[in-house]
Amino acid sequence: MKTYAEALEPDARYRIVMTDDPVDGLRPLSFRDHYDMVADLELPAGAPDVVVRIYARALNALIYGWLDYELMVVATGQALASLEFALKTRLGADARKMPGLARRLGYAVDRNILSPPQKSQWGDDHQLLVQIRNEIAHGSEHVYPPNLAAIIFDRCRALICELNDLPAPNLRQR
């Protein structure tokens, strides 16, 4: 735990994180950069209020990841929990009884509520999200850097948008 004097200081690991600014070139990441990255991950209007509230909890944890890098794990876990809650909300009673994110994602795909998973060299995105969610839920020493956390948030947001027939904003590259 940080000392009282250090509590509101940025996590020391940010000293080595750089950004390639179009105006200033390569420079250390600032809190404004971090905040803007998080703000770019908000849900669009139209998602159910309770899902927005749970997802906002994840965004706030991500903001405070500036003060403690380890909170990136908490934030990412909460973003995945908001996706799982959005699935339960959209899919109704059947999904509430179903155990696990994987089954709920599969159920939504089988009923054409969600598109099939996107494939990549690392596997399909649904399985990757499930693996990350399980790793966080069952304890892990891994820490997610801000850019990886942003990718996970963006994928959760895209799926929440698709569940609610909303256009998914594109993740801005920083």
Foldseek 3Di string as FASTA:
>chain_A
DDDPVLQPPFDPVQVPDWDQDPVPGIDGDDLVNQLVLLVLLQADPQFDPVLNVQLVVLSVLSSCCRSPQQSLLVSLLSLLVSLLVLLCVLVDDVSVPDDAQLVSVVVCCVVVLDPPFDQDPVGTPSVVSRVSNVPSVVDDPDGDPSVRSSVSSLVSSCSSCSNRVHDRDDNDDD
